[in-house]
Amino acid sequence: MTPDRMITVYTAPSCMQCHATKRHLRRAGVDFKLVDVTRDAVGRFAVEQLGYSMLPVVTVDLPDGLDHWSGYRPDMLDAAITVATEALEVLP
């Protein structure tokens, strides 16, 4: 996965916290992968496997593993944005 796709947001169309999460990432100019769990059974299964029942679920691929959380978390999103931005800066 390229650094600009290290953030994945599992979402649903009518989820207000999902909209806030996507807006936060877009305003920061960070590219992210979007998975609509109402249309993607694999994405829905991934959310269930992580143990979440509330959306959005955000995952961040890090060098030492996967970080994840549920709900609109501006603090966690800002940390993920910093990681994604720093990863892009080290590309040749």
PDB file of N, CA and C in Angstrom:
ATOM      1  N   MET A   1       0.839  -1.173   0.000  1.00  0.00           N
ATOM      2  CA  MET A   1       0.000   0.000   0.000  1.00  0.00           C
ATOM      3  C   MET A   1       0.885   1.237   0.000  1.00  0.00           C
ATOM      4  N   THR A   2       0.571   2.169  -0.838  1.00  0.00           N
ATOM      5  CA  THR A   2       1.346   3.399  -0.905  1.00  0.00           C
ATOM      6  C   THR A   2       0.987   4.285   0.277  1.00  0.00           C
ATOM      7  N   PRO A   3       1.894   5.165   0.686  1.00  0.00           N
ATOM      8  CA  PRO A   3       1.629   6.003   1.851  1.00  0.00           C
ATOM      9  C   PRO A   3       0.351   6.822   1.750  1.00  0.00           C
ATOM     10  N   ASP A   4      -0.031   7.236   0.548  1.00  0.00           N
ATOM     11  CA  ASP A   4      -1.238   8.042   0.431  1.00  0.00           C
ATOM     12  C   ASP A   4      -2.512   7.213   0.569  1.00  0.00           C
ATOM     13  N   ARG A   5      -2.377   5.912   0.683  1.00  0.00           N
ATOM     14  CA  ARG A   5      -3.540   5.038   0.882  1.00  0.00           C
ATOM     15  C   ARG A   5      -3.404   4.234   2.165  1.00  0.00           C
ATOM     16  N   MET A   6      -2.690   4.762   3.121  1.00  0.00           N
ATOM     17  CA  MET A   6      -2.505   4.025   4.363  1.00  0.00           C
ATOM     18  C   MET A   6      -3.688   4.169   5.305  1.00  0.00           C
ATOM     19  N   ILE A   7      -4.626   5.059   4.997  1.00  0.00           N
ATOM     20  CA  ILE A   7      -5.813   5.268   5.824  1.00  0.00           C
ATOM     21  C   ILE A   7      -7.020   4.704   5.091  1.00  0.00           C
ATOM     22  N   THR A   8      -7.787   3.867   5.786  1.00  0.00           N
ATOM     23  CA  THR A   8      -9.024   3.316   5.232  1.00  0.00           C
ATOM     24  C   THR A   8     -10.165   3.701   6.152  1.00  0.00           C
ATOM     25  N   VAL A   9     -11.260   4.168   5.562  1.00  0.00           N
ATOM     26  CA  VAL A   9     -12.456   4.526   6.323  1.00  0.00           C
ATOM     27  C   VAL A   9     -13.581   3.599   5.881  1.00  0.00           C
ATOM     28  N   TYR A  10     -14.083   2.820   6.838  1.00  0.00           N
ATOM     29  CA  TYR A  10     -15.234   1.957   6.600  1.00  0.00           C
ATOM     30  C   TYR A  10     -16.458   2.767   6.994  1.00  0.00           C
ATOM     31  N   THR A  11     -17.400   2.891   6.084  1.00  0.00           N
ATOM     32  CA  THR A  11     -18.478   3.860   6.242  1.00  0.00           C
ATOM     33  C   THR A  11     -19.811   3.311   5.747  1.00  0.00           C
ATOM     34  N   ALA A  12     -20.857   4.108   5.955  1.00  0.00           N
ATOM     35  CA  ALA A  12     -22.190   3.832   5.419  1.00  0.00           C
ATOM     36  C   ALA A  12     -22.796   5.179   5.008  1.00  0.00           C
ATOM     37  N   PRO A  13     -23.652   5.187   4.009  1.00  0.00           N
ATOM     38  CA  PRO A  13     -24.174   6.451   3.473  1.00  0.00           C
ATOM     39  C   PRO A  13     -24.871   7.364   4.477  1.00  0.00           C
ATOM     40  N   SER A  14     -25.621   6.834   5.409  1.00  0.00           N
ATOM     41  CA  SER A  14     -26.407   7.684   6.310  1.00  0.00           C
ATOM     42  C   SER A  14     -25.708   7.978   7.642  1.00  0.00           C
ATOM     43  N   CYS A  15     -24.440   7.683   7.743  1.00  0.00           N
ATOM     44  CA  CYS A  15     -23.687   7.835   8.993  1.00  0.00           C
ATOM     45  C   CYS A  15     -23.085   9.238   9.096  1.00  0.00           C
ATOM     46  N   MET A  16     -23.568  10.027  10.066  1.00  0.00           N
ATOM     47  CA  MET A  16     -23.092  11.404  10.211  1.00  0.00           C
ATOM     48  C   MET A  16     -21.639  11.463  10.689  1.00  0.00           C
ATOM     49  N   GLN A  17     -21.247  10.569  11.586  1.00  0.00           N
ATOM     50  CA  GLN A  17     -19.854  10.544  12.030  1.00  0.00           C
ATOM     51  C   GLN A  17     -18.924  10.143  10.881  1.00  0.00           C
ATOM     52  N   CYS A  18     -19.431   9.325   9.975  1.00  0.00           N
ATOM     53  CA  CYS A  18     -18.660   8.952   8.782  1.00  0.00           C
ATOM     54  C   CYS A  18     -18.419  10.182   7.909  1.00  0.00           C
ATOM     55  N   HIS A  19     -19.476  10.980   7.717  1.00  0.00           N
ATOM     56  CA  HIS A  19     -19.347  12.200   6.913  1.00  0.00           C
ATOM     57  C   HIS A  19     -18.331  13.152   7.536  1.00  0.00           C
ATOM     58  N   ALA A  20     -18.369  13.293   8.855  1.00  0.00           N
ATOM     59  CA  ALA A  20     -17.427  14.177   9.542  1.00  0.00           C
ATOM     60  C   ALA A  20     -15.994  13.668   9.387  1.00  0.00           C
ATOM     61  N   THR A  21     -15.811  12.361   9.460  1.00  0.00           N
ATOM     62  CA  THR A  21     -14.478  11.764   9.308  1.00  0.00           C
ATOM     63  C   THR A  21     -13.932  12.011   7.909  1.00  0.00           C
ATOM     64  N   LYS A  22     -14.754  11.759   6.902  1.00  0.00           N
ATOM     65  CA  LYS A  22     -14.316  11.978   5.517  1.00  0.00           C
ATOM     66  C   LYS A  22     -14.010  13.451   5.262  1.00  0.00           C
ATOM     67  N   ARG A  23     -14.849  14.329   5.781  1.00  0.00           N
ATOM     68  CA  ARG A  23     -14.625  15.768   5.618  1.00  0.00           C
ATOM     69  C   ARG A  23     -13.301  16.190   6.275  1.00  0.00           C
ATOM     70  N   HIS A  24     -13.021  15.677   7.443  1.00  0.00           N
ATOM     71  CA  HIS A  24     -11.778  15.988   8.160  1.00  0.00           C
ATOM     72  C   HIS A  24     -10.564  15.590   7.323  1.00  0.00           C
ATOM     73  N   LEU A  25     -10.592  14.389   6.762  1.00  0.00           N
ATOM     74  CA  LEU A  25      -9.471  13.906   5.950  1.00  0.00           C
ATOM     75  C   LEU A  25      -9.345  14.687   4.642  1.00  0.00           C
ATOM     76  N   ARG A  26     -10.468  14.986   4.019  1.00  0.00           N
ATOM     77  CA  ARG A  26     -10.429  15.741   2.754  1.00  0.00           C
ATOM     78  C   ARG A  26      -9.887  17.151   2.968  1.00  0.00           C
ATOM     79  N   ARG A  27     -10.309  17.799   4.049  1.00  0.00           N
ATOM     80  CA  ARG A  27      -9.809  19.150   4.338  1.00  0.00           C
ATOM     81  C   ARG A  27      -8.298  19.150   4.575  1.00  0.00           C
ATOM     82  N   ALA A  28      -7.791  18.050   5.092  1.00  0.00           N
ATOM     83  CA  ALA A  28      -6.351  17.944   5.328  1.00  0.00           C
ATOM     84  C   ALA A  28      -5.596  17.599   4.046  1.00  0.00           C
ATOM     85  N   GLY A  29      -6.324  17.252   2.993  1.00  0.00           N
ATOM     86  CA  GLY A  29      -5.700  16.931   1.723  1.00  0.00           C
ATOM     87  C   GLY A  29      -5.064  15.557   1.676  1.00  0.00           C
ATOM     88  N   VAL A  30      -5.507  14.671   2.550  1.00  0.00           N
ATOM     89  CA  VAL A  30      -4.950  13.318   2.614  1.00  0.00           C
ATOM     90  C   VAL A  30      -5.823  12.371   1.804  1.00  0.00           C
ATOM     91  N   ASP A  31      -5.203  11.577   0.971  1.00  0.00           N
ATOM     92  CA  ASP A  31      -5.917  10.566   0.210  1.00  0.00           C
ATOM     93  C   ASP A  31      -6.203   9.384   1.131  1.00  0.00           C
ATOM     94  N   PHE A  32      -7.351   8.777   0.979  1.00  0.00           N
ATOM     95  CA  PHE A  32      -7.707   7.629   1.801  1.00  0.00           C
ATOM     96  C   PHE A  32      -8.604   6.702   1.003  1.00  0.00           C
ATOM     97  N   LYS A  33      -8.645   5.461   1.447  1.00  0.00           N
ATOM     98  CA  LYS A  33      -9.505   4.464   0.825  1.00  0.00           C
ATOM     99  C   LYS A  33     -10.837   4.483   1.554  1.00  0.00           C
ATOM    100  N   LEU A  34     -11.916   4.439   0.801  1.00  0.00           N
ATOM    101  CA  LEU A  34     -13.261   4.468   1.356  1.00  0.00           C
ATOM    102  C   LEU A  34     -13.946   3.140   1.061  1.00  0.00           C
ATOM    103  N   VAL A  35     -14.501   2.513   2.093  1.00  0.00           N
ATOM    104  CA  VAL A  35     -15.206   1.239   1.932  1.00  0.00           C
ATOM    105  C   VAL A  35     -16.605   1.393   2.502  1.00  0.00           C
ATOM    106  N   ASP A  36     -17.605   1.293   1.636  1.00  0.00           N
ATOM    107  CA  ASP A  36     -19.012   1.364   2.044  1.00  0.00           C
ATOM    108  C   ASP A  36     -19.445  -0.043   2.461  1.00  0.00           C
ATOM    109  N   VAL A  37     -19.623  -0.249   3.759  1.00  0.00           N
ATOM    110  CA  VAL A  37     -19.941  -1.593   4.252  1.00  0.00           C
ATOM    111  C   VAL A  37     -21.356  -2.041   3.901  1.00  0.00           C
ATOM    112  N   THR A  38     -22.187  -1.122   3.412  1.00  0.00           N
ATOM    113  CA  THR A  38     -23.522  -1.521   2.970  1.00  0.00           C
ATOM    114  C   THR A  38     -23.469  -2.172   1.596  1.00  0.00           C
ATOM    115  N   ARG A  39     -22.358  -1.998   0.894  1.00  0.00           N
ATOM    116  CA  ARG A  39     -22.207  -2.558  -0.453  1.00  0.00           C
ATOM    117  C   ARG A  39     -21.043  -3.540  -0.564  1.00  0.00           C
ATOM    118  N   ASP A  40     -20.205  -3.599   0.453  1.00  0.00           N
ATOM    119  CA  ASP A  40     -18.982  -4.398   0.391  1.00  0.00           C
ATOM    120  C   ASP A  40     -18.964  -5.402   1.543  1.00  0.00           C
ATOM    121  N   ALA A  41     -19.277  -6.661   1.230  1.00  0.00           N
ATOM    122  CA  ALA A  41     -19.339  -7.701   2.261  1.00  0.00           C
ATOM    123  C   ALA A  41     -17.979  -7.947   2.903  1.00  0.00           C
ATOM    124  N   VAL A  42     -16.915  -7.839   2.126  1.00  0.00           N
ATOM    125  CA  VAL A  42     -15.564  -8.030   2.670  1.00  0.00           C
ATOM    126  C   VAL A  42     -15.252  -6.917   3.673  1.00  0.00           C
ATOM    127  N   GLY A  43     -15.636  -5.695   3.335  1.00  0.00           N
ATOM    128  CA  GLY A  43     -15.435  -4.579   4.251  1.00  0.00           C
ATOM    129  C   GLY A  43     -16.240  -4.741   5.523  1.00  0.00           C
ATOM    130  N   ARG A  44     -17.477  -5.182   5.387  1.00  0.00           N
ATOM    131  CA  ARG A  44     -18.333  -5.423   6.556  1.00  0.00           C
ATOM    132  C   ARG A  44     -17.706  -6.498   7.450  1.00  0.00           C
ATOM    133  N   PHE A  45     -17.173  -7.546   6.827  1.00  0.00           N
ATOM    134  CA  PHE A  45     -16.518  -8.618   7.580  1.00  0.00           C
ATOM    135  C   PHE A  45     -15.274  -8.090   8.296  1.00  0.00           C
ATOM    136  N   ALA A  46     -14.507  -7.224   7.627  1.00  0.00           N
ATOM    137  CA  ALA A  46     -13.296  -6.653   8.238  1.00  0.00           C
ATOM    138  C   ALA A  46     -13.652  -5.860   9.497  1.00  0.00           C
ATOM    139  N   VAL A  47     -14.722  -5.088   9.437  1.00  0.00           N
ATOM    140  CA  VAL A  47     -15.177  -4.310  10.595  1.00  0.00           C
ATOM    141  C   VAL A  47     -15.576  -5.251  11.730  1.00  0.00           C
ATOM    142  N   GLU A  48     -16.303  -6.302  11.395  1.00  0.00           N
ATOM    143  CA  GLU A  48     -16.718  -7.275  12.407  1.00  0.00           C
ATOM    144  C   GLU A  48     -15.513  -7.970  13.031  1.00  0.00           C
ATOM    145  N   GLN A  49     -14.522  -8.309  12.216  1.00  0.00           N
ATOM    146  CA  GLN A  49     -13.329  -8.981  12.724  1.00  0.00           C
ATOM    147  C   GLN A  49     -12.529  -8.095  13.675  1.00  0.00           C
ATOM    148  N   LEU A  50     -12.588  -6.800  13.455  1.00  0.00           N
ATOM    149  CA  LEU A  50     -11.908  -5.866  14.358  1.00  0.00           C
ATOM    150  C   LEU A  50     -12.701  -5.665  15.649  1.00  0.00           C
ATOM    151  N   GLY A  51     -13.946  -6.157  15.681  1.00  0.00           N
ATOM    152  CA  GLY A  51     -14.753  -6.102  16.889  1.00  0.00           C
ATOM    153  C   GLY A  51     -15.627  -4.870  17.027  1.00  0.00           C
ATOM    154  N   TYR A  52     -15.841  -4.148  15.942  1.00  0.00           N
ATOM    155  CA  TYR A  52     -16.636  -2.921  16.009  1.00  0.00           C
ATOM    156  C   TYR A  52     -18.063  -3.146  15.528  1.00  0.00           C
ATOM    157  N   SER A  53     -18.987  -2.414  16.152  1.00  0.00           N
ATOM    158  CA  SER A  53     -20.380  -2.453  15.715  1.00  0.00           C
ATOM    159  C   SER A  53     -20.877  -1.056  15.356  1.00  0.00           C
ATOM    160  N   MET A  54     -20.001  -0.039  15.502  1.00  0.00           N
ATOM    161  CA  MET A  54     -20.349   1.342  15.195  1.00  0.00           C
ATOM    162  C   MET A  54     -19.416   1.879  14.109  1.00  0.00           C
ATOM    163  N   LEU A  55     -19.976   2.688  13.212  1.00  0.00           N
ATOM    164  CA  LEU A  55     -19.185   3.300  12.150  1.00  0.00           C
ATOM    165  C   LEU A  55     -18.967   4.769  12.464  1.00  0.00           C
ATOM    166  N   PRO A  56     -17.979   5.399  11.853  1.00  0.00           N
ATOM    167  CA  PRO A  56     -17.000   4.795  10.960  1.00  0.00           C
ATOM    168  C   PRO A  56     -15.962   3.992  11.740  1.00  0.00           C
ATOM    169  N   VAL A  57     -15.325   3.098  11.025  1.00  0.00           N
ATOM    170  CA  VAL A  57     -14.128   2.442  11.532  1.00  0.00           C
ATOM    171  C   VAL A  57     -12.992   2.932  10.654  1.00  0.00           C
ATOM    172  N   VAL A  58     -11.948   3.416  11.282  1.00  0.00           N
ATOM    173  CA  VAL A  58     -10.783   3.927  10.565  1.00  0.00           C
ATOM    174  C   VAL A  58      -9.609   3.019  10.879  1.00  0.00           C
ATOM    175  N   THR A  59      -8.902   2.594   9.824  1.00  0.00           N
ATOM    176  CA  THR A  59      -7.674   1.820  10.019  1.00  0.00           C
ATOM    177  C   THR A  59      -6.523   2.592   9.398  1.00  0.00           C
ATOM    178  N   VAL A  60      -5.370   2.467  10.034  1.00  0.00           N
ATOM    179  CA  VAL A  60      -4.159   3.133   9.551  1.00  0.00           C
ATOM    180  C   VAL A  60      -3.059   2.093   9.509  1.00  0.00           C
ATOM    181  N   ASP A  61      -2.499   1.864   8.313  1.00  0.00           N
ATOM    182  CA  ASP A  61      -1.379   0.940   8.160  1.00  0.00           C
ATOM    183  C   ASP A  61      -0.107   1.633   8.611  1.00  0.00           C
ATOM    184  N   LEU A  62       0.511   1.090   9.642  1.00  0.00           N
ATOM    185  CA  LEU A  62       1.747   1.631  10.183  1.00  0.00           C
ATOM    186  C   LEU A  62       2.869   0.626   9.992  1.00  0.00           C
ATOM    187  N   PRO A  63       4.111   1.064  10.015  1.00  0.00           N
ATOM    188  CA  PRO A  63       5.223   0.118   9.849  1.00  0.00           C
ATOM    189  C   PRO A  63       5.213  -1.014  10.876  1.00  0.00           C
ATOM    190  N   ASP A  64       4.708  -0.735  12.076  1.00  0.00           N
ATOM    191  CA  ASP A  64       4.710  -1.756  13.125  1.00  0.00           C
ATOM    192  C   ASP A  64       3.352  -2.422  13.332  1.00  0.00           C
ATOM    193  N   GLY A  65       2.425  -2.225  12.412  1.00  0.00           N
ATOM    194  CA  GLY A  65       1.127  -2.884  12.526  1.00  0.00           C
ATOM    195  C   GLY A  65      -0.023  -1.984  12.128  1.00  0.00           C
ATOM    196  N   LEU A  66      -1.209  -2.408  12.490  1.00  0.00           N
ATOM    197  CA  LEU A  66      -2.434  -1.712  12.119  1.00  0.00           C
ATOM    198  C   LEU A  66      -3.015  -1.011  13.339  1.00  0.00           C
ATOM    199  N   ASP A  67      -3.283   0.280  13.205  1.00  0.00           N
ATOM    200  CA  ASP A  67      -3.986   1.014  14.243  1.00  0.00           C
ATOM    201  C   ASP A  67      -5.423   1.183  13.773  1.00  0.00           C
ATOM    202  N   HIS A  68      -6.376   1.185  14.687  1.00  0.00           N
ATOM    203  CA  HIS A  68      -7.782   1.321  14.289  1.00  0.00           C
ATOM    204  C   HIS A  68      -8.605   1.845  15.439  1.00  0.00           C
ATOM    205  N   TRP A  69      -9.724   2.466  15.080  1.00  0.00           N
ATOM    206  CA  TRP A  69     -10.673   2.979  16.059  1.00  0.00           C
ATOM    207  C   TRP A  69     -12.017   3.142  15.385  1.00  0.00           C
ATOM    208  N   SER A  70     -13.016   3.414  16.215  1.00  0.00           N
ATOM    209  CA  SER A  70     -14.372   3.605  15.725  1.00  0.00           C
ATOM    210  C   SER A  70     -14.873   4.980  16.162  1.00  0.00           C
ATOM    211  N   GLY A  71     -15.692   5.587  15.324  1.00  0.00           N
ATOM    212  CA  GLY A  71     -16.277   6.881  15.636  1.00  0.00           C
ATOM    213  C   GLY A  71     -15.454   8.022  15.058  1.00  0.00           C
ATOM    214  N   TYR A  72     -16.019   9.217  15.144  1.00  0.00           N
ATOM    215  CA  TYR A  72     -15.321  10.416  14.673  1.00  0.00           C
ATOM    216  C   TYR A  72     -14.363  10.855  15.769  1.00  0.00           C
ATOM    217  N   ARG A  73     -13.063  10.704  15.508  1.00  0.00           N
ATOM    218  CA  ARG A  73     -12.018  11.006  16.483  1.00  0.00           C
ATOM    219  C   ARG A  73     -11.025  11.990  15.869  1.00  0.00           C
ATOM    220  N   PRO A  74     -11.282  13.291  15.977  1.00  0.00           N
ATOM    221  CA  PRO A  74     -10.376  14.277  15.385  1.00  0.00           C
ATOM    222  C   PRO A  74      -8.930  14.127  15.858  1.00  0.00           C
ATOM    223  N   ASP A  75      -8.737  13.777  17.135  1.00  0.00           N
ATOM    224  CA  ASP A  75      -7.377  13.608  17.652  1.00  0.00           C
ATOM    225  C   ASP A  75      -6.643  12.470  16.944  1.00  0.00           C
ATOM    226  N   MET A  76      -7.329  11.352  16.771  1.00  0.00           N
ATOM    227  CA  MET A  76      -6.717  10.206  16.091  1.00  0.00           C
ATOM    228  C   MET A  76      -6.539  10.490  14.600  1.00  0.00           C
ATOM    229  N   LEU A  77      -7.496  11.183  13.999  1.00  0.00           N
ATOM    230  CA  LEU A  77      -7.370  11.533  12.583  1.00  0.00           C
ATOM    231  C   LEU A  77      -6.172  12.448  12.357  1.00  0.00           C
ATOM    232  N   ASP A  78      -5.978  13.426  13.243  1.00  0.00           N
ATOM    233  CA  ASP A  78      -4.829  14.325  13.104  1.00  0.00           C
ATOM    234  C   ASP A  78      -3.517  13.558  13.214  1.00  0.00           C
ATOM    235  N   ALA A  79      -3.455  12.583  14.115  1.00  0.00           N
ATOM    236  CA  ALA A  79      -2.247  11.753  14.235  1.00  0.00           C
ATOM    237  C   ALA A  79      -2.028  10.933  12.962  1.00  0.00           C
ATOM    238  N   ALA A  80      -3.104  10.380  12.404  1.00  0.00           N
ATOM    239  CA  ALA A  80      -2.991   9.597  11.170  1.00  0.00           C
ATOM    240  C   ALA A  80      -2.567  10.473  10.002  1.00  0.00           C
ATOM    241  N   ILE A  81      -3.083  11.697   9.959  1.00  0.00           N
ATOM    242  CA  ILE A  81      -2.709  12.643   8.904  1.00  0.00           C
ATOM    243  C   ILE A  81      -1.219  12.961   9.003  1.00  0.00           C
ATOM    244  N   THR A  82      -0.724  13.156  10.206  1.00  0.00           N
ATOM    245  CA  THR A  82       0.705  13.420  10.409  1.00  0.00           C
ATOM    246  C   THR A  82       1.544  12.255   9.913  1.00  0.00           C
ATOM    247  N   VAL A  83       1.148  11.046  10.260  1.00  0.00           N
ATOM    248  CA  VAL A  83       1.885   9.853   9.819  1.00  0.00           C
ATOM    249  C   VAL A  83       1.871   9.747   8.295  1.00  0.00           C
ATOM    250  N   ALA A  84       0.707   9.944   7.688  1.00  0.00           N
ATOM    251  CA  ALA A  84       0.595   9.842   6.231  1.00  0.00           C
ATOM    252  C   ALA A  84       1.426  10.912   5.540  1.00  0.00           C
ATOM    253  N   THR A  85       1.426  12.115   6.063  1.00  0.00           N
ATOM    254  CA  THR A  85       2.186  13.211   5.491  1.00  0.00           C
ATOM    255  C   THR A  85       3.684  12.948   5.605  1.00  0.00           C
ATOM    256  N   GLU A  86       4.135  12.470   6.754  1.00  0.00           N
ATOM    257  CA  GLU A  86       5.550  12.164   6.945  1.00  0.00           C
ATOM    258  C   GLU A  86       5.991  11.027   6.023  1.00  0.00           C
ATOM    259  N   ALA A  87       5.113  10.050   5.803  1.00  0.00           N
ATOM    260  CA  ALA A  87       5.451   8.934   4.915  1.00  0.00           C
ATOM    261  C   ALA A  87       5.645   9.427   3.488  1.00  0.00           C
ATOM    262  N   LEU A  88       4.834  10.383   3.047  1.00  0.00           N
ATOM    263  CA  LEU A  88       4.970  10.918   1.702  1.00  0.00           C
ATOM    264  C   LEU A  88       6.268  11.718   1.544  1.00  0.00           C
ATOM    265  N   GLU A  89       6.715  12.363   2.624  1.00  0.00           N
ATOM    266  CA  GLU A  89       7.920  13.174   2.566  1.00  0.00           C
ATOM    267  C   GLU A  89       9.190  12.353   2.391  1.00  0.00           C
ATOM    268  N   VAL A  90       9.166  11.079   2.782  1.00  0.00           N
ATOM    269  CA  VAL A  90      10.367  10.260   2.662  1.00  0.00           C
ATOM    270  C   VAL A  90      10.450   9.529   1.327  1.00  0.00           C
ATOM    271  N   LEU A  91       9.419   9.635   0.503  1.00  0.00           N
ATOM    272  CA  LEU A  91       9.468   9.006  -0.817  1.00  0.00           C
ATOM    273  C   LEU A  91      10.482   9.735  -1.693  1.00  0.00           C
ATOM    274  N   PRO A  92      11.206   8.970  -2.533  1.00  0.00           N
ATOM    275  CA  PRO A  92      12.198   9.611  -3.413  1.00  0.00           C
ATOM    276  C   PRO A  92      11.560  10.473  -4.474  1.00  0.00           C
TER     277      PRO A  92
END
